[in-house]
């Protein structure tokens, strides 16, 4: 049945004809004994022409290839500077927090909680 279906589709036969022929062959095979019974000539033809003797269908036209255009790809953005690995801010001393704030160009005044918040 699968071979009949595939053959009919490859031969570009109308789908109704393919399904009908596939069903007829499937019903015949199911009614016979053995794994691969010989098919009667009436099931081996499409439009009264044996399947292997049908004229070849016209080859489809291959679309003309269009040359590809090269498109410049922008360079990737430079990596952003990463912050140095710091210990948890809450565990740092006030003098170290102020030094980190100074390195980042941020104000260094305030209590520890304010310094920690400013660095987050």
N, C-alpha and C. Protein backbone atom coordinates (compact mmCIF):
# COMPACT_ATOMS: atom_id res chain seq x y z
N UNK A 1 0.83 -1.20 0.00
CA UNK A 1 0.00 0.00 0.00
C UNK A 1 0.86 1.25 0.00
N UNK A 2 1.92 1.24 0.82
CA UNK A 2 2.79 2.42 0.88
C UNK A 2 3.46 2.67 -0.46
N UNK A 3 3.90 1.58 -1.11
CA UNK A 3 4.55 1.72 -2.41
C UNK A 3 3.58 2.29 -3.44
N UNK A 4 2.34 1.85 -3.41
CA UNK A 4 1.34 2.36 -4.35
C UNK A 4 1.09 3.84 -4.11
N UNK A 5 0.95 4.20 -2.85
CA UNK A 5 0.72 5.60 -2.50
C UNK A 5 1.88 6.47 -2.96
N UNK A 6 3.09 6.05 -2.65
CA UNK A 6 4.27 6.81 -3.01
C UNK A 6 4.43 6.91 -4.52
N UNK A 7 4.22 5.78 -5.22
CA UNK A 7 4.34 5.78 -6.68
C UNK A 7 3.34 6.73 -7.31
N UNK A 8 2.10 6.66 -6.86
CA UNK A 8 1.08 7.55 -7.42
C UNK A 8 1.40 9.02 -7.19
N UNK A 9 1.89 9.33 -6.00
CA UNK A 9 2.24 10.73 -5.70
C UNK A 9 3.43 11.19 -6.52
N UNK A 10 4.43 10.31 -6.67
CA UNK A 10 5.61 10.68 -7.46
C UNK A 10 5.26 10.85 -8.94
N UNK A 11 4.26 10.11 -9.39
CA UNK A 11 3.83 10.23 -10.79
C UNK A 11 2.88 11.41 -10.97
N UNK A 12 2.62 12.12 -9.89
CA UNK A 12 1.75 13.30 -9.91
C UNK A 12 0.34 12.95 -10.39
N UNK A 13 -0.14 11.80 -9.95
CA UNK A 13 -1.50 11.37 -10.27
C UNK A 13 -2.46 12.13 -9.36
N UNK A 14 -3.70 12.33 -9.76
CA UNK A 14 -4.68 13.00 -8.89
C UNK A 14 -4.82 12.22 -7.57
N UNK A 15 -4.92 12.93 -6.49
CA UNK A 15 -4.94 12.30 -5.16
C UNK A 15 -6.10 11.31 -5.02
N UNK A 16 -7.26 11.62 -5.61
CA UNK A 16 -8.39 10.70 -5.52
C UNK A 16 -8.05 9.37 -6.18
N UNK A 17 -7.38 9.42 -7.33
CA UNK A 17 -6.98 8.21 -8.04
C UNK A 17 -5.95 7.43 -7.23
N UNK A 18 -5.01 8.13 -6.64
CA UNK A 18 -3.97 7.47 -5.83
C UNK A 18 -4.61 6.76 -4.64
N UNK A 19 -5.49 7.44 -3.94
CA UNK A 19 -6.14 6.85 -2.76
C UNK A 19 -6.99 5.66 -3.16
N UNK A 20 -7.74 5.78 -4.25
CA UNK A 20 -8.60 4.69 -4.70
C UNK A 20 -7.76 3.46 -5.07
N UNK A 21 -6.70 3.66 -5.83
CA UNK A 21 -5.84 2.54 -6.23
C UNK A 21 -5.15 1.92 -5.03
N UNK A 22 -4.67 2.77 -4.12
CA UNK A 22 -4.01 2.27 -2.91
C UNK A 22 -4.99 1.43 -2.09
N UNK A 23 -6.21 1.89 -1.93
CA UNK A 23 -7.21 1.13 -1.17
C UNK A 23 -7.53 -0.20 -1.86
N UNK A 24 -7.64 -0.19 -3.19
CA UNK A 24 -7.95 -1.42 -3.92
C UNK A 24 -6.84 -2.44 -3.75
N UNK A 25 -5.59 -2.00 -3.85
CA UNK A 25 -4.46 -2.93 -3.68
C UNK A 25 -4.41 -3.42 -2.24
N UNK A 26 -4.63 -2.53 -1.29
CA UNK A 26 -4.63 -2.94 0.13
C UNK A 26 -5.70 -3.97 0.41
N UNK A 27 -6.90 -3.76 -0.14
CA UNK A 27 -7.99 -4.71 0.07
C UNK A 27 -7.67 -6.06 -0.56
N UNK A 28 -7.08 -6.04 -1.75
CA UNK A 28 -6.72 -7.29 -2.42
C UNK A 28 -5.67 -8.05 -1.61
N UNK A 29 -4.60 -7.36 -1.21
CA UNK A 29 -3.53 -8.01 -0.45
C UNK A 29 -4.06 -8.58 0.85
N UNK A 30 -4.95 -7.84 1.53
CA UNK A 30 -5.50 -8.32 2.80
C UNK A 30 -6.39 -9.55 2.62
N UNK A 31 -6.95 -9.73 1.42
CA UNK A 31 -7.84 -10.87 1.19
C UNK A 31 -7.09 -12.12 0.76
N UNK A 32 -5.79 -12.00 0.52
CA UNK A 32 -5.00 -13.13 0.02
C UNK A 32 -4.15 -13.73 1.14
N UNK A 33 -3.70 -14.97 0.90
CA UNK A 33 -2.79 -15.61 1.86
C UNK A 33 -1.37 -15.28 1.46
N UNK A 34 -0.48 -15.35 2.40
CA UNK A 34 0.93 -15.08 2.13
C UNK A 34 1.24 -13.61 2.31
N UNK A 35 2.54 -13.33 2.42
CA UNK A 35 2.97 -11.98 2.71
C UNK A 35 2.93 -11.06 1.49
N UNK A 36 3.26 -11.60 0.33
CA UNK A 36 3.30 -10.77 -0.88
C UNK A 36 2.64 -11.50 -2.05
N UNK A 37 1.33 -11.48 -2.12
CA UNK A 37 0.66 -12.15 -3.22
C UNK A 37 0.89 -11.39 -4.53
N UNK A 38 0.88 -12.15 -5.64
CA UNK A 38 1.01 -11.52 -6.95
C UNK A 38 -0.25 -10.69 -7.23
N UNK A 39 -0.05 -9.52 -7.75
CA UNK A 39 -1.19 -8.64 -8.04
C UNK A 39 -1.74 -8.92 -9.42
N UNK A 40 -3.06 -8.89 -9.57
CA UNK A 40 -3.63 -9.04 -10.91
C UNK A 40 -3.29 -7.81 -11.76
N UNK A 41 -3.22 -8.01 -13.08
CA UNK A 41 -2.84 -6.93 -13.99
C UNK A 41 -3.76 -5.72 -13.85
N UNK A 42 -5.01 -5.94 -13.51
CA UNK A 42 -5.95 -4.82 -13.38
C UNK A 42 -5.57 -3.86 -12.26
N UNK A 43 -4.81 -4.35 -11.25
CA UNK A 43 -4.38 -3.48 -10.15
C UNK A 43 -2.99 -2.89 -10.38
N UNK A 44 -2.32 -3.30 -11.45
CA UNK A 44 -0.95 -2.85 -11.68
C UNK A 44 -0.92 -1.76 -12.75
N UNK A 45 -2.03 -1.19 -13.08
CA UNK A 45 -2.05 -0.17 -14.13
C UNK A 45 -2.64 1.14 -13.62
N UNK A 46 -2.26 2.20 -14.28
CA UNK A 46 -2.84 3.52 -14.07
C UNK A 46 -3.38 3.93 -15.43
N UNK A 47 -4.63 4.25 -15.54
CA UNK A 47 -5.25 4.67 -16.81
C UNK A 47 -4.97 3.68 -17.94
N UNK A 48 -5.10 2.40 -17.68
CA UNK A 48 -4.94 1.34 -18.67
C UNK A 48 -3.52 1.25 -19.22
N UNK A 49 -2.56 1.93 -18.63
CA UNK A 49 -1.16 1.78 -19.01
C UNK A 49 -0.42 1.19 -17.83
N UNK A 50 0.39 0.15 -18.05
CA UNK A 50 1.16 -0.40 -16.93
C UNK A 50 2.00 0.70 -16.29
N UNK A 51 2.10 0.63 -14.98
CA UNK A 51 2.76 1.71 -14.24
C UNK A 51 4.18 1.93 -14.72
N UNK A 52 4.92 0.89 -15.03
CA UNK A 52 6.31 1.05 -15.45
C UNK A 52 6.45 1.56 -16.87
N UNK A 53 5.35 1.60 -17.65
CA UNK A 53 5.44 1.99 -19.05
C UNK A 53 4.80 3.34 -19.33
N UNK A 54 4.40 4.06 -18.34
CA UNK A 54 3.81 5.38 -18.55
C UNK A 54 4.87 6.32 -19.08
N UNK A 55 4.48 7.23 -19.95
CA UNK A 55 5.47 8.22 -20.38
C UNK A 55 5.90 9.07 -19.18
N UNK A 56 7.14 9.43 -19.21
CA UNK A 56 7.67 10.22 -18.10
C UNK A 56 6.95 11.56 -18.05
N UNK A 57 6.63 11.99 -16.86
CA UNK A 57 5.99 13.29 -16.71
C UNK A 57 7.03 14.37 -16.97
N UNK A 58 6.61 15.50 -17.50
CA UNK A 58 7.58 16.56 -17.79
C UNK A 58 8.30 17.00 -16.52
N UNK A 59 9.57 17.26 -16.69
CA UNK A 59 10.37 17.70 -15.54
C UNK A 59 10.01 19.14 -15.21
N UNK A 60 9.86 19.42 -13.93
CA UNK A 60 9.55 20.81 -13.56
C UNK A 60 10.74 21.72 -13.87
N UNK A 61 10.43 22.94 -14.21
CA UNK A 61 11.50 23.89 -14.48
C UNK A 61 12.17 24.27 -13.17
N UNK A 62 13.48 24.27 -13.22
CA UNK A 62 14.25 24.65 -12.04
C UNK A 62 14.38 26.16 -12.05
N UNK A 63 14.01 26.82 -10.96
CA UNK A 63 14.13 28.27 -10.95
C UNK A 63 15.59 28.70 -11.11
N UNK A 64 15.75 29.80 -11.82
CA UNK A 64 17.10 30.32 -12.03
C UNK A 64 17.67 30.79 -10.70
N UNK A 65 18.92 30.43 -10.48
CA UNK A 65 19.54 30.82 -9.21
C UNK A 65 19.89 32.29 -9.25
N UNK A 66 19.61 32.94 -8.16
CA UNK A 66 19.91 34.36 -8.02
C UNK A 66 21.21 34.47 -7.23
N UNK A 67 22.16 35.25 -7.74
CA UNK A 67 23.41 35.37 -6.99
C UNK A 67 23.16 36.02 -5.62
N UNK A 68 23.90 35.54 -4.65
CA UNK A 68 23.76 36.07 -3.29
C UNK A 68 24.54 37.37 -3.16
N UNK A 69 23.98 38.29 -2.41
CA UNK A 69 24.65 39.55 -2.13
C UNK A 69 25.34 39.45 -0.79
N UNK A 70 26.55 39.91 -0.75
CA UNK A 70 27.26 39.93 0.53
C UNK A 70 26.82 41.17 1.30
N UNK A 71 26.41 40.94 2.53
CA UNK A 71 25.96 42.02 3.38
C UNK A 71 26.97 42.14 4.52
N UNK A 72 27.52 43.34 4.70
CA UNK A 72 28.50 43.49 5.78
C UNK A 72 27.85 43.25 7.14
N UNK A 73 28.57 42.55 7.97
CA UNK A 73 28.09 42.27 9.32
C UNK A 73 28.84 43.19 10.27
N UNK A 74 28.10 43.96 11.08
CA UNK A 74 28.80 44.87 11.99
C UNK A 74 29.63 44.09 13.00
N UNK A 75 30.73 44.72 13.39
CA UNK A 75 31.60 44.10 14.39
C UNK A 75 30.86 44.04 15.72
N UNK A 76 31.12 43.00 16.49
CA UNK A 76 30.46 42.92 17.80
C UNK A 76 30.90 44.07 18.70
N UNK A 77 30.00 44.48 19.56
CA UNK A 77 30.30 45.56 20.50
C UNK A 77 31.42 45.10 21.44
N UNK A 78 32.29 46.03 21.82
CA UNK A 78 33.36 45.64 22.74
C UNK A 78 32.76 45.20 24.07
N UNK A 79 33.39 44.27 24.71
CA UNK A 79 32.83 43.80 25.99
C UNK A 79 32.82 44.92 27.03
N UNK A 80 31.76 44.93 27.81
CA UNK A 80 31.64 45.92 28.88
C UNK A 80 32.58 45.54 30.02
N UNK A 81 33.20 46.54 30.61
CA UNK A 81 34.08 46.21 31.74
C UNK A 81 33.26 45.56 32.86
N UNK A 82 33.81 44.56 33.42
CA UNK A 82 33.12 43.86 34.50
C UNK A 82 33.57 44.40 35.85
N UNK A 83 32.68 44.30 36.78
CA UNK A 83 33.02 44.73 38.14
C UNK A 83 33.91 43.67 38.76
N UNK A 84 34.90 44.11 39.50
CA UNK A 84 35.76 43.11 40.15
C UNK A 84 34.93 42.27 41.12
N UNK A 85 35.36 41.07 41.31
CA UNK A 85 34.67 40.21 42.26
C UNK A 85 34.89 40.77 43.66
N UNK A 86 33.78 41.17 44.26
CA UNK A 86 33.83 41.72 45.61
C UNK A 86 33.19 40.73 46.58
N UNK A 87 33.65 40.75 47.80
CA UNK A 87 32.95 39.94 48.79
C UNK A 87 31.57 40.56 49.02
N UNK A 88 30.66 39.87 49.68
CA UNK A 88 29.36 40.48 49.96
C UNK A 88 29.56 41.85 50.59
N UNK A 89 28.86 42.85 50.03
CA UNK A 89 29.06 44.24 50.46
C UNK A 89 28.85 44.43 51.96
N UNK A 90 27.87 43.71 52.51
CA UNK A 90 27.57 43.87 53.93
C UNK A 90 28.73 43.42 54.83
N UNK A 91 29.61 42.59 54.30
CA UNK A 91 30.74 42.09 55.12
C UNK A 91 31.97 42.96 54.98
N UNK A 92 31.97 43.92 54.06
CA UNK A 92 33.14 44.77 53.85
C UNK A 92 33.22 45.86 54.92
N UNK A 93 34.43 46.30 55.20
CA UNK A 93 34.64 47.40 56.13
C UNK A 93 34.28 48.72 55.45
N UNK A 94 33.92 49.73 56.26
CA UNK A 94 33.53 51.04 55.73
C UNK A 94 34.65 51.62 54.89
N UNK A 95 35.91 51.49 55.35
CA UNK A 95 37.02 52.07 54.58
C UNK A 95 37.14 51.41 53.20
N UNK A 96 36.85 50.08 53.10
CA UNK A 96 36.91 49.38 51.81
C UNK A 96 35.72 49.77 50.93
N UNK A 97 34.55 49.98 51.54
CA UNK A 97 33.39 50.43 50.78
C UNK A 97 33.65 51.80 50.18
N UNK A 98 34.24 52.71 50.99
CA UNK A 98 34.53 54.06 50.51
C UNK A 98 35.57 54.02 49.39
N UNK A 99 36.53 53.13 49.49
CA UNK A 99 37.56 53.01 48.45
C UNK A 99 36.92 52.54 47.13
N UNK A 100 36.00 51.58 47.22
CA UNK A 100 35.30 51.08 46.03
C UNK A 100 34.44 52.18 45.44
N UNK A 101 33.75 52.95 46.28
CA UNK A 101 32.93 54.06 45.80
C UNK A 101 33.80 55.09 45.09
N UNK A 102 34.96 55.39 45.67
CA UNK A 102 35.88 56.37 45.09
C UNK A 102 36.34 55.87 43.71
N UNK A 103 36.67 54.55 43.60
CA UNK A 103 37.11 53.98 42.32
C UNK A 103 36.02 54.11 41.25
N UNK A 104 34.76 54.07 41.68
CA UNK A 104 33.65 54.16 40.73
C UNK A 104 33.20 55.60 40.50
N UNK A 105 33.84 56.53 41.17
CA UNK A 105 33.47 57.94 41.00
C UNK A 105 32.17 58.31 41.68
N UNK A 106 31.82 57.61 42.75
CA UNK A 106 30.58 57.86 43.48
C UNK A 106 30.88 58.57 44.79
N UNK A 107 29.89 59.28 45.36
CA UNK A 107 30.11 59.94 46.65
C UNK A 107 30.47 58.92 47.73
N UNK A 108 31.34 59.33 48.67
CA UNK A 108 31.81 58.41 49.71
C UNK A 108 31.27 58.76 51.09
N UNK A 109 30.35 59.73 51.16
CA UNK A 109 29.83 60.12 52.47
C UNK A 109 28.62 59.28 52.83
N UNK A 110 28.36 59.13 54.13
CA UNK A 110 27.19 58.42 54.61
C UNK A 110 27.56 57.27 55.52
N UNK A 111 26.52 56.63 56.07
CA UNK A 111 26.73 55.49 56.96
C UNK A 111 26.88 54.24 56.11
N UNK A 112 27.31 53.16 56.73
CA UNK A 112 27.62 51.93 56.01
C UNK A 112 26.44 51.46 55.14
N UNK A 113 25.23 51.50 55.67
CA UNK A 113 24.06 51.03 54.91
C UNK A 113 23.89 51.84 53.62
N UNK A 114 24.15 53.17 53.69
CA UNK A 114 24.04 54.01 52.50
C UNK A 114 25.15 53.67 51.49
N UNK A 115 26.36 53.41 52.00
CA UNK A 115 27.46 53.06 51.11
C UNK A 115 27.18 51.75 50.37
N UNK A 116 26.66 50.78 51.13
CA UNK A 116 26.33 49.48 50.54
C UNK A 116 25.26 49.65 49.46
N UNK A 117 24.23 50.42 49.76
CA UNK A 117 23.14 50.65 48.81
C UNK A 117 23.65 51.32 47.56
N UNK A 118 24.57 52.27 47.70
CA UNK A 118 25.11 53.00 46.56
C UNK A 118 25.92 52.07 45.65
N UNK A 119 26.56 51.06 46.23
CA UNK A 119 27.37 50.13 45.44
C UNK A 119 26.53 49.05 44.73
N UNK A 120 25.31 48.88 45.14
CA UNK A 120 24.48 47.83 44.52
C UNK A 120 24.02 48.26 43.16
